[in-house]
Protein backbone atom coordinates (compact mmCIF):
# COMPACT_ATOMS: atom_id res chain seq x y z
CA MET A 1 12.22 6.34 2.20
CA ARG A 2 14.96 4.64 -0.11
CA VAL A 3 14.41 2.23 -2.79
CA SER A 4 15.83 -1.27 -2.19
CA ARG A 5 19.39 -1.43 -3.21
CA ARG A 6 21.14 -4.64 -4.96
CA GLN A 7 22.21 -6.38 -1.74
CA PHE A 8 22.22 -9.25 0.39
CA ILE A 9 20.33 -8.01 3.30
CA ALA A 10 21.32 -10.70 5.74
CA GLY A 11 25.05 -9.63 5.37
CA SER A 12 24.20 -6.36 6.84
CA GLY A 13 24.43 -7.72 10.29
CA LEU A 14 20.93 -6.60 11.10
CA GLY A 15 18.70 -9.47 12.03
CA VAL A 16 14.94 -9.79 11.32
CA ALA A 17 13.95 -8.67 14.78
CA GLY A 18 16.11 -5.65 14.69
CA LEU A 19 14.84 -4.55 11.36
CA LEU A 20 11.25 -4.98 12.37
CA VAL A 21 11.81 -2.92 15.54
CA ALA A 22 13.58 -0.31 13.37
CA ALA A 23 10.34 -0.03 11.24
CA CYS A 24 8.15 0.85 14.19
CA GLY A 25 7.88 4.06 16.24
CA SER A 26 6.08 4.71 19.59
CA SER A 27 2.92 6.25 20.66
CA GLY A 28 4.34 6.89 24.07
CA SER A 29 7.28 6.12 26.30
CA SER A 30 7.90 4.31 29.47
CA GLY A 31 10.92 4.30 31.83
CA ASN A 32 10.34 0.59 32.49
CA GLY A 33 10.64 -0.40 28.86
CA PRO A 34 8.54 -2.81 26.91
CA ARG A 35 6.50 -5.41 29.11
CA SER A 36 5.03 -8.63 28.19
CA GLY A 37 1.22 -9.46 28.53
CA GLY A 38 -2.15 -8.15 27.72
CA VAL A 39 -4.71 -8.23 24.99
CA LEU A 40 -4.57 -5.35 22.30
CA ARG A 41 -8.17 -4.65 20.94
CA VAL A 42 -7.78 -3.34 17.45
CA GLY A 43 -10.63 -1.88 15.24
CA ALA A 44 -10.15 -1.96 11.51
CA LEU A 45 -12.44 -1.13 8.60
CA GLY A 46 -13.93 -3.90 6.63
CA LYS A 47 -17.25 -4.48 4.74
CA SER A 48 -19.17 -7.73 5.44
CA ALA A 49 -19.70 -8.32 1.59
CA LYS A 50 -16.00 -8.16 1.07
CA ILE A 51 -14.60 -10.54 3.70
CA GLU A 52 -11.92 -12.61 2.24
CA ARG A 53 -9.81 -15.31 4.13
CA ASP A 54 -7.64 -16.50 1.20
CA PRO A 55 -4.34 -14.75 1.76
CA HIS A 56 -3.64 -15.01 -1.95
CA LYS A 57 -6.79 -13.32 -3.13
CA THR A 58 -7.52 -9.60 -3.05
CA LEU A 59 -7.93 -8.47 0.53
CA SER A 60 -9.94 -5.32 0.35
CA ASN A 61 -10.70 -5.11 3.93
CA ASP A 62 -8.26 -3.60 6.35
CA SER A 63 -9.43 -6.05 8.93
CA ASP A 64 -8.70 -9.04 6.60
CA PHE A 65 -5.37 -7.72 5.60
CA MET A 66 -4.31 -7.11 9.29
CA ILE A 67 -5.25 -10.66 10.21
CA ALA A 68 -3.44 -12.23 7.15
CA SER A 69 -0.33 -10.16 7.81
CA LEU A 70 -0.10 -11.28 11.53
CA VAL A 71 -0.96 -14.92 10.86
CA PHE A 72 1.03 -15.48 7.66
CA ASP A 73 4.70 -14.44 6.86
CA ALA A 74 5.43 -12.68 3.61
CA LEU A 75 8.93 -12.88 2.23
CA THR A 76 9.43 -9.18 2.65
CA VAL A 77 7.69 -6.20 4.49
CA PRO A 78 7.77 -2.53 4.39
CA ALA A 79 10.61 -0.58 6.26
CA ALA A 80 12.17 2.95 6.42
CA LYS A 81 15.76 3.01 5.00
CA PRO A 82 15.67 1.06 2.93
CA ASN A 83 12.09 0.74 2.17
CA VAL A 84 12.05 -3.15 2.41
CA ALA A 85 12.98 -5.53 5.22
CA PRO A 86 13.28 -9.30 5.80
CA ARG A 87 10.42 -11.23 7.18
CA LEU A 88 10.08 -14.97 6.16
CA ALA A 89 13.07 -14.43 3.90
CA SER A 90 16.08 -13.61 6.19
CA GLY A 91 17.96 -12.11 3.04
CA TRP A 92 18.26 -12.17 -0.59
CA THR A 93 20.89 -11.68 -3.25
CA GLN A 94 20.79 -10.92 -6.94
CA LEU A 95 22.66 -13.56 -8.87
CA GLU A 96 25.23 -13.43 -11.50
CA ASP A 97 22.41 -13.49 -13.98
CA PRO A 98 20.73 -10.23 -12.96
CA ARG A 99 17.40 -11.58 -13.77
CA SER A 100 17.54 -14.07 -10.99
CA TRP A 101 17.27 -13.53 -7.27
CA ARG A 102 17.82 -16.05 -4.45
CA PHE A 103 15.75 -15.45 -1.30
CA THR A 104 16.88 -17.40 1.90
CA ILE A 105 14.24 -18.69 4.33
CA ALA A 106 14.74 -17.63 7.85
CA ALA A 107 16.49 -20.04 10.13
CA GLY A 108 13.99 -21.75 12.47
CA ALA A 109 10.85 -20.61 10.59
CA LYS A 110 8.02 -23.01 11.41
CA PHE A 111 4.27 -23.17 10.85
CA HIS A 112 1.83 -22.90 13.59
CA ASP A 113 1.56 -26.74 13.70
CA GLY A 114 5.28 -27.09 14.41
CA SER A 115 6.29 -28.16 10.93
CA PRO A 116 9.29 -26.31 9.31
CA VAL A 117 8.64 -23.89 6.50
CA ARG A 118 10.33 -25.63 3.59
CA ALA A 119 11.41 -24.26 0.11
CA GLU A 120 8.58 -26.20 -1.43
CA ASP A 121 6.01 -24.29 0.70
CA VAL A 122 7.27 -21.01 -0.57
CA VAL A 123 7.45 -22.10 -4.15
CA TRP A 124 3.90 -23.47 -3.93
CA SER A 125 2.62 -20.30 -2.40
CA LEU A 126 4.29 -18.11 -4.89
CA ARG A 127 3.20 -20.15 -7.76
CA ARG A 128 -0.46 -20.02 -6.45
CA LEU A 129 -0.25 -16.26 -5.91
CA ARG A 130 1.06 -15.84 -9.50
CA GLU A 131 -1.69 -17.86 -10.94
CA ILE A 132 -4.48 -16.02 -9.04
CA ALA A 133 -3.07 -12.46 -9.10
CA GLY A 134 -0.82 -12.50 -12.19
CA GLU A 135 2.37 -10.37 -12.56
CA THR A 136 1.06 -7.59 -10.45
CA LYS A 137 1.98 -9.33 -7.28
CA VAL A 138 4.61 -11.83 -8.62
CA PRO A 139 6.44 -10.09 -11.50
CA VAL A 140 7.47 -13.33 -13.46
CA ALA A 141 6.47 -14.44 -16.87
CA SER A 142 5.21 -17.83 -15.55
CA ALA A 143 4.86 -19.90 -12.41
CA ASP A 144 7.87 -22.06 -13.67
CA ALA A 145 10.13 -18.97 -12.99
CA ILE A 146 9.81 -19.94 -9.31
CA SER A 147 11.82 -22.90 -8.05
CA ALA A 148 13.47 -24.26 -5.01
CA ASP A 149 17.08 -23.65 -4.63
CA GLY A 150 18.49 -26.03 -1.85
CA VAL A 151 16.51 -26.73 1.39
CA ASP A 152 16.55 -23.10 2.44
CA GLY A 153 16.40 -21.12 -0.75
CA VAL A 154 13.96 -19.97 -3.47
CA ARG A 155 14.98 -18.68 -6.85
CA ILE A 156 12.86 -16.27 -8.65
CA THR A 157 13.69 -15.44 -12.25
CA THR A 158 12.12 -12.36 -13.84
CA ALA A 159 11.85 -11.75 -17.67
CA SER A 160 14.34 -9.02 -17.49
CA PRO A 161 16.72 -7.65 -14.73
CA ASN A 162 14.71 -6.39 -11.74
CA ARG A 163 16.56 -4.72 -9.06
CA ASP A 164 13.63 -3.93 -6.98
CA LEU A 165 12.14 -7.28 -6.80
CA PRO A 166 12.33 -7.58 -2.92
CA MET A 167 10.41 -4.27 -2.64
CA LEU A 168 7.82 -5.42 -5.21
CA LEU A 169 7.08 -8.51 -3.08
CA ARG A 170 6.43 -6.52 0.05
CA LEU A 171 3.42 -7.74 2.05
CA MET A 172 1.85 -9.66 -0.82
CA THR A 173 3.77 -12.98 -0.75
CA PHE A 174 2.01 -14.78 2.19
CA VAL A 175 3.26 -18.30 2.48
CA VAL A 176 1.07 -21.22 3.36
CA LYS A 177 1.77 -24.97 3.59
CA GLU A 178 1.94 -26.77 0.27
CA GLY A 179 -1.36 -27.62 -1.00
CA THR A 180 -3.28 -25.48 1.21
CA THR A 181 -6.58 -24.15 -0.38
CA ASP A 182 -8.86 -24.16 2.81
CA PHE A 183 -8.00 -21.28 5.02
CA THR A 184 -10.59 -22.00 7.80
CA THR A 185 -7.87 -22.95 10.20
CA ALA A 186 -5.40 -20.42 8.85
CA VAL A 187 -2.10 -22.22 9.55
CA GLY A 188 0.68 -19.66 8.94
CA SER A 189 4.15 -18.98 10.26
CA GLY A 190 3.68 -15.51 11.51
CA PRO A 191 3.84 -13.77 14.99
CA PHE A 192 0.28 -14.71 16.02
CA ARG A 193 -1.86 -17.79 15.60
CA LEU A 194 -5.46 -17.74 14.85
CA GLU A 195 -7.58 -18.87 17.95
CA SER A 196 -10.98 -17.93 16.76
CA TYR A 197 -12.74 -16.15 13.79
CA HIS A 198 -16.28 -14.99 13.16
CA ASP A 199 -17.56 -12.68 10.56
CA GLY A 200 -14.37 -10.93 9.84
CA ASN A 201 -13.42 -10.55 13.65
CA ALA A 202 -10.58 -12.74 14.98
CA ARG A 203 -8.69 -13.46 18.16
CA LEU A 204 -4.98 -14.04 17.56
CA VAL A 205 -2.67 -15.50 20.26
CA ARG A 206 1.12 -15.00 20.60
CA ASN A 207 3.30 -17.38 18.53
CA ASP A 208 6.30 -18.02 21.26
CA ALA A 209 8.18 -20.03 18.46
CA TRP A 210 8.10 -17.24 15.79
CA HIS A 211 11.42 -16.93 14.06
CA GLY A 212 11.47 -13.20 14.52
CA GLY A 213 11.12 -13.41 18.31
CA ALA A 214 8.10 -13.80 20.38
CA PRO A 215 5.77 -10.74 20.51
CA LYS A 216 5.10 -9.02 23.78
CA LEU A 217 1.37 -9.16 23.67
CA ASP A 218 -0.54 -12.22 24.84
CA ALA A 219 -3.15 -11.72 22.08
CA ILE A 220 -4.54 -9.35 19.53
CA GLU A 221 -8.32 -9.08 19.00
CA VAL A 222 -9.15 -7.83 15.66
CA GLN A 223 -12.64 -6.28 15.40
CA ARG A 224 -14.17 -5.35 12.05
CA PHE A 225 -16.06 -1.97 11.62
CA GLU A 226 -18.29 -1.05 8.69
CA SER A 227 -17.51 2.65 8.76
CA THR A 228 -15.04 5.15 10.15
CA THR A 229 -17.55 6.65 12.37
CA ALA A 230 -18.26 3.54 14.01
CA LEU A 231 -14.65 2.88 14.41
CA ALA A 232 -13.92 6.30 15.72
CA ASN A 233 -16.74 6.12 18.26
CA ALA A 234 -15.40 2.77 19.61
CA VAL A 235 -11.90 4.19 20.39
CA LEU A 236 -13.23 7.28 21.79
CA ALA A 237 -15.49 5.23 24.21
CA GLY A 238 -12.70 3.01 25.29
CA GLN A 239 -14.34 -0.10 23.66
CA ILE A 240 -11.10 -0.65 21.69
CA ASP A 241 -7.42 0.23 22.32
CA LEU A 242 -6.44 1.10 18.75
CA ALA A 243 -8.46 2.46 15.72
CA SER A 244 -6.46 1.52 12.70
CA ASN A 245 -6.35 4.10 9.82
CA VAL A 246 -9.41 5.84 11.34
CA GLY A 247 -8.79 9.20 9.44
CA ALA A 248 -8.31 12.82 10.21
CA VAL A 249 -11.56 13.80 11.56
CA ALA A 250 -11.21 11.19 14.39
CA GLY A 251 -7.61 12.45 14.97
CA ARG A 252 -8.78 15.93 15.36
CA THR A 253 -11.29 14.83 18.06
CA ALA A 254 -8.88 12.51 19.74
CA ALA A 255 -6.02 15.25 19.93
CA GLY A 256 -7.66 16.86 22.99
CA ARG A 257 -8.18 13.65 25.02
CA ARG A 258 -5.46 12.88 27.58
CA GLU A 259 -6.10 9.24 27.47
CA LEU A 260 -5.66 8.92 23.78
CA SER A 261 -2.61 9.48 21.35
CA VAL A 262 -2.66 10.09 17.76
CA VAL A 263 -0.19 8.41 15.34
CA ARG A 264 0.44 10.23 12.10
CA ARG A 265 1.97 8.36 9.13
CA ALA A 266 3.02 10.87 6.42
CA ASN A 267 2.43 10.20 2.74
CA ASP A 268 0.27 7.38 3.60
CA VAL A 269 -2.78 7.39 1.19
CA VAL A 270 -3.29 9.04 -2.16
CA ILE A 271 -6.82 9.30 -3.80
CA PRO A 272 -5.87 10.33 -7.49
CA ILE A 273 -8.43 11.23 -10.07
CA VAL A 274 -7.76 8.70 -12.98
CA MET A 275 -8.13 10.19 -16.56
CA ARG A 276 -8.06 7.54 -19.29
CA THR A 277 -5.30 8.28 -21.78
CA ALA A 278 -6.00 5.54 -24.43
CA ASP A 279 -9.33 6.91 -25.64
CA GLY A 280 -12.39 8.82 -24.79
CA PRO A 281 -12.84 12.60 -23.78
CA PHE A 282 -9.60 12.72 -21.81
CA ALA A 283 -7.22 11.12 -24.13
CA ASP A 284 -5.74 14.48 -25.21
CA ALA A 285 -2.94 15.38 -22.94
CA ARG A 286 -3.96 19.02 -22.98
CA VAL A 287 -7.28 18.19 -21.55
CA ARG A 288 -5.68 16.27 -18.67
CA THR A 289 -3.35 19.11 -17.98
CA ALA A 290 -6.28 21.52 -17.97
CA LEU A 291 -7.99 19.36 -15.23
CA ARG A 292 -4.69 19.44 -13.20
CA LEU A 293 -4.70 23.25 -13.52
CA ALA A 294 -8.41 23.32 -12.38
CA VAL A 295 -7.76 21.80 -8.97
CA ASP A 296 -7.12 23.93 -5.94
CA ARG A 297 -4.74 21.72 -4.22
CA ASP A 298 -4.41 23.62 -0.89
CA THR A 299 -8.20 23.69 -0.57
CA MET A 300 -8.43 19.80 -1.17
CA VAL A 301 -5.78 19.01 1.42
CA LYS A 302 -7.35 21.29 3.93
CA GLN A 303 -10.99 20.11 3.46
CA ILE A 304 -10.37 16.49 2.49
CA THR A 305 -7.74 15.69 4.90
CA SER A 306 -8.53 18.25 7.63
CA GLY A 307 -5.01 19.47 7.14
CA TYR A 308 -3.52 15.97 8.01
CA GLY A 309 -1.71 15.75 4.53
CA SER A 310 0.25 17.76 1.94
CA PRO A 311 -0.29 18.96 -1.76
CA ALA A 312 1.11 16.69 -4.37
CA ASN A 313 2.22 17.25 -7.86
CA ASP A 314 0.61 14.66 -10.16
CA VAL A 315 3.33 12.07 -9.51
CA LEU A 316 2.73 8.91 -7.52
CA GLY A 317 5.30 7.95 -4.94
CA THR A 318 5.70 11.20 -2.97
CA ALA A 319 7.76 9.48 -0.29
CA ASP A 320 10.26 7.94 -2.61
CA ALA A 321 13.89 9.07 -2.13
CA THR A 322 14.19 9.72 -5.92
CA TYR A 323 10.96 11.85 -5.91
CA ASP A 324 11.76 14.77 -8.21
CA THR A 325 11.45 17.97 -6.35
CA THR A 326 12.67 20.03 -9.42
CA LEU A 327 9.31 19.44 -11.22
CA PRO A 328 7.50 22.79 -10.92
CA GLN A 329 4.71 22.66 -8.52
CA ARG A 330 1.44 22.98 -10.21
CA GLY A 331 -0.85 25.68 -9.03
CA ARG A 332 -4.39 26.56 -9.95
CA ASP A 333 -4.65 28.51 -13.36
CA LEU A 334 -8.03 28.80 -14.67
CA ALA A 335 -7.30 30.81 -17.52
CA ARG A 336 -4.67 28.40 -18.76
CA ALA A 337 -6.95 25.56 -18.20
CA ARG A 338 -9.69 27.13 -20.29
CA THR A 339 -7.20 27.85 -23.10
CA LEU A 340 -5.88 24.25 -23.24
CA LEU A 341 -9.40 23.10 -23.34
CA ALA A 342 -10.25 25.34 -26.27
CA GLU A 343 -7.05 24.27 -28.08
CA ALA A 344 -8.00 20.57 -27.71
CA GLY A 345 -11.54 21.16 -28.91
CA PHE A 346 -12.98 19.80 -25.66
CA ASP A 347 -16.77 19.87 -25.56
CA THR A 348 -17.65 22.07 -22.61
CA GLY A 349 -21.26 21.75 -23.42
CA ARG A 350 -21.37 18.18 -22.30
CA THR A 351 -21.51 16.76 -18.60
CA TYR A 352 -19.02 14.00 -17.77
CA GLN A 353 -19.34 11.41 -15.22
CA LEU A 354 -16.66 11.17 -12.29
CA VAL A 355 -17.13 7.89 -10.73
CA THR A 356 -16.18 7.14 -7.18
CA LYS A 357 -16.90 4.84 -4.30
CA ASP A 358 -16.98 5.10 -0.59
CA GLU A 359 -13.88 3.22 0.20
CA ALA A 360 -11.05 5.40 1.25
CA VAL A 361 -11.70 8.03 3.91
CA GLY A 362 -12.65 11.22 1.99
CA GLU A 363 -12.72 9.61 -1.38
CA VAL A 364 -16.34 10.59 -2.18
CA ASP A 365 -15.87 14.05 -0.69
CA SER A 366 -12.68 14.55 -2.78
CA ALA A 367 -14.67 13.89 -6.09
CA ARG A 368 -17.37 16.20 -5.10
CA LEU A 369 -15.00 18.97 -4.13
CA PHE A 370 -13.01 18.55 -7.53
CA ALA A 371 -16.21 18.54 -9.39
CA THR A 372 -16.94 21.96 -8.02
CA GLN A 373 -13.42 23.21 -8.72
CA ALA A 374 -13.58 21.85 -12.30
CA ALA A 375 -16.82 23.70 -13.03
CA GLU A 376 -14.93 27.02 -12.71
CA ALA A 377 -12.54 25.93 -15.62
CA GLY A 378 -15.81 25.04 -17.71
CA VAL A 379 -15.75 21.33 -17.17
CA LYS A 380 -19.07 20.05 -16.04
CA LEU A 381 -18.95 16.77 -13.88
CA GLU A 382 -21.49 14.63 -12.44
CA VAL A 383 -20.30 12.62 -9.41
CA VAL A 384 -21.51 9.03 -9.53
CA VAL A 385 -21.12 7.14 -6.22
CA GLN A 386 -21.01 3.23 -6.85
CA ASP A 387 -20.98 0.30 -4.43
CA ALA A 388 -17.19 -0.81 -4.32
CA ASN A 389 -18.01 -4.21 -5.80
CA VAL A 390 -19.89 -2.64 -8.70
CA PHE A 391 -17.03 0.01 -9.07
CA TYR A 392 -14.41 -2.83 -9.49
CA ASP A 393 -16.57 -4.85 -11.93
CA GLN A 394 -17.73 -2.02 -14.08
CA THR A 395 -15.60 1.17 -13.82
CA TRP A 396 -12.05 0.36 -12.52
CA LEU A 397 -9.67 0.02 -15.68
CA LYS A 398 -12.46 1.12 -18.05
CA ALA A 399 -14.17 4.37 -17.43
CA PRO A 400 -12.80 7.75 -18.80
CA LEU A 401 -12.81 9.39 -15.26
CA TYR A 402 -12.85 8.09 -11.83
CA THR A 403 -11.17 8.07 -8.29
CA ALA A 404 -8.70 5.51 -7.12
CA ASN A 405 -7.09 4.97 -3.77
CA TRP A 406 -3.72 3.50 -2.89
CA GLY A 407 -2.49 2.87 0.65
CA THR A 408 1.28 2.91 -0.01
CA ASN A 409 3.27 5.92 -1.51
CA ASP A 410 6.99 5.34 -1.15
CA SER A 411 8.07 4.22 -4.44
CA VAL A 412 7.72 5.54 -7.84
CA ILE A 413 8.65 2.22 -9.40
CA PHE A 414 6.13 0.40 -7.44
CA PHE A 415 3.37 2.51 -9.22
CA ALA A 416 4.99 2.19 -12.49
CA SER A 417 5.10 -1.66 -12.20
CA LYS A 418 1.57 -1.89 -10.86
CA THR A 419 -0.50 0.68 -12.85
CA MET A 420 1.54 2.29 -15.76
CA VAL A 421 3.70 -0.03 -17.73
CA SER A 422 2.04 -1.53 -20.82
CA THR A 423 2.09 -5.09 -19.65
CA THR A 424 0.34 -4.61 -16.21
CA LYS A 425 -3.04 -5.93 -15.71
CA TRP A 426 -3.89 -3.01 -13.33
CA ASN A 427 -3.15 -0.10 -15.94
CA GLU A 428 -5.70 2.17 -14.40
CA ALA A 429 -5.46 5.04 -17.10
CA GLY A 430 -4.99 2.91 -20.16
CA ILE A 431 -1.40 4.25 -20.59
CA HIS A 432 0.72 2.84 -23.25
CA ASP A 433 3.76 4.99 -23.48
CA PRO A 434 6.95 3.31 -25.11
CA ASP A 435 9.00 5.95 -23.31
CA LEU A 436 7.74 5.15 -19.91
CA ASP A 437 8.22 1.38 -20.56
CA ALA A 438 11.71 2.01 -21.65
CA ALA A 439 12.57 4.11 -18.52
CA TYR A 440 11.02 1.50 -16.24
CA LEU A 441 13.14 -1.24 -17.79
CA ARG A 442 16.33 0.93 -17.30
CA ALA A 443 15.41 1.56 -13.63
CA LEU A 444 15.13 -2.04 -12.98
CA SER A 445 18.35 -2.96 -14.94
CA ALA A 446 20.36 -0.05 -13.42
CA THR A 447 23.64 -1.12 -11.87
CA ASP A 448 24.17 2.03 -9.85
CA ASP A 449 21.89 4.32 -7.98
CA ASN A 450 22.55 7.26 -10.08
CA ALA A 451 21.25 5.46 -13.16
CA TYR A 452 18.43 4.18 -11.27
CA ALA A 453 17.44 7.65 -9.99
CA ALA A 454 17.79 9.11 -13.55
CA ALA A 455 15.31 6.59 -14.79
CA SER A 456 12.96 7.18 -11.94
CA ARG A 457 12.94 10.99 -12.69
CA GLU A 458 12.14 10.29 -16.33
CA ILE A 459 9.12 8.33 -15.41
CA GLN A 460 8.00 11.03 -13.12
CA ARG A 461 8.38 13.67 -15.88
CA ILE A 462 6.33 11.54 -18.31
CA GLU A 463 3.65 11.15 -15.46
CA TYR A 464 3.76 15.06 -14.93
CA ASP A 465 3.68 15.86 -18.56
CA ARG A 466 1.29 13.31 -20.15
CA GLY A 467 0.34 10.73 -17.56
CA GLY A 468 -3.08 9.77 -16.55
CA TYR A 469 -3.23 10.78 -12.97
CA LEU A 470 -4.39 13.83 -11.26
CA VAL A 471 -2.60 13.53 -7.89
CA TRP A 472 -3.83 16.58 -5.72
CA GLY A 473 -2.31 15.43 -2.39
CA ALA A 474 -1.11 12.78 -0.04
CA ALA A 475 -3.09 12.18 3.25
CA ASP A 476 -1.32 11.18 6.43
CA GLY A 477 -2.43 8.02 7.92
CA VAL A 478 -4.10 8.44 11.26
CA ASP A 479 -4.40 5.87 13.92
CA VAL A 480 -5.90 6.66 17.45
CA ALA A 481 -4.88 4.66 20.29
CA SER A 482 -5.09 4.49 24.10
CA THR A 483 -1.85 6.07 25.51
CA LYS A 484 -1.13 2.58 27.10
CA VAL A 485 -0.45 1.16 23.69
CA ARG A 486 3.22 1.49 22.65
CA ASP A 487 5.57 0.95 19.74
CA LEU A 488 2.83 1.16 17.17
CA PRO A 489 4.12 1.30 13.55
CA THR A 490 4.76 4.79 12.03
CA LEU A 491 5.22 3.55 8.42
CA ALA A 492 3.03 4.69 5.84
CA GLY A 493 0.73 2.53 3.88
CA TYR A 494 0.16 -1.03 4.85
CA GLY A 495 3.25 -0.92 7.13
CA ARG A 496 0.39 -0.06 9.72
CA VAL A 497 -0.50 -3.68 10.09
CA GLN A 498 2.84 -4.67 11.49
CA LEU A 499 1.73 -4.90 15.08
CA GLU A 500 4.10 -7.61 16.25
CA ARG A 501 6.29 -5.16 18.33
CA ALA A 502 3.40 -3.36 19.96
CA TRP A 503 2.90 -3.66 23.77
CA LEU A 504 0.96 -2.32 26.69
CA ALA A 505 2.15 -0.23 29.42
CA GLY A 506 0.84 -1.09 32.94
């Protein structure tokens, strides 16, 4: 996947509907082509305690994110080449001042109550999102940097040039009517309207007036499942038509069933081990390198992803077109790991906690397997499994050693902006590296692709040499569906929720 270019997408001659179709694959084929009608029953993971209906707050549940992404329109969405496509914004252009972008609202965009989407609605939504989530979701210094630009445009001004702004806004910038704070009725402008909702389950009906073209399906019923086991059992029993992001074990089981198809989305999920760089027992870069040399990546991929994945090389963004394949692939070297630990004066007599949570498929198992492998290098780890809410309150961004999980993996700059630059609120490893910050700014201000790629490679080299992540592999996303379900998304990460082009064969 390529990073977004400095361009006005609308000028490419490819409309919203065409780009969205291009972002989807097929789980089957039909000589008669797409047909209208039918109800798609979709299962998605979601914990009751984490249900959230406000699209501007953290949507931890897959089920909540799917509902929001179909009811509300974001300005931009994931795509293949380039890796960003229009949605509510029909196009965008970087202005003469390279800090400023103008996003054009799609012609004919209307909310589900029939009222037009105005620039003021977009501005209000983006400002609200900025106030709630900060720069991690809207990378501007303040809400005042977002303003209306005519009746159909919104201007966003960043603190410094940012050529990747359209990509950084993907599937985050859900637009609601100005002044909305109660989302019980969920009035959006997306391809489906909310008909009913109960306890994280929803029935969504087709929005015939959607500016991107009416969907084929009459309705989508989203069912929330607490566990991958329950989700897998439901699709295997025919109780649902699609199990979204159900994991490799279910994929292996479904592979032998004629009535089911398996959709694999490469480079979908990463479950890195985060090693705090700012202070604590892993602050010495030699210790972090030793842990990277202790891991058996092939075994991790084989056991944790059931082979539905590939080894990685301690750099986030493995599907990025600028991914640096010249970095030497790290293998297991226990002797070198022990030497580095000794040089760093690391206390191998202590036991250190590796904190994890049962959130991503295989996350707890990956922590336990790594702990076993690290012990062979002389590092004793106690795996502590926390409730996800406790984890994010007490461990995330604070603990010396813990697992993270990310459901997108197609951009080095995305990860740098969200988790590594000194100014981000989500600095998972406590990285404060002036060279990384400088390379990041060079990437965003680059005026040509070669300069951008060079800056991206420098960020990767810093991650590889002295960063705070142990990225042992990238897991495929695995969806299991009835063979009658066609044109499911094949994009990695949260592109999986873009179901507006799916249809049911007769």
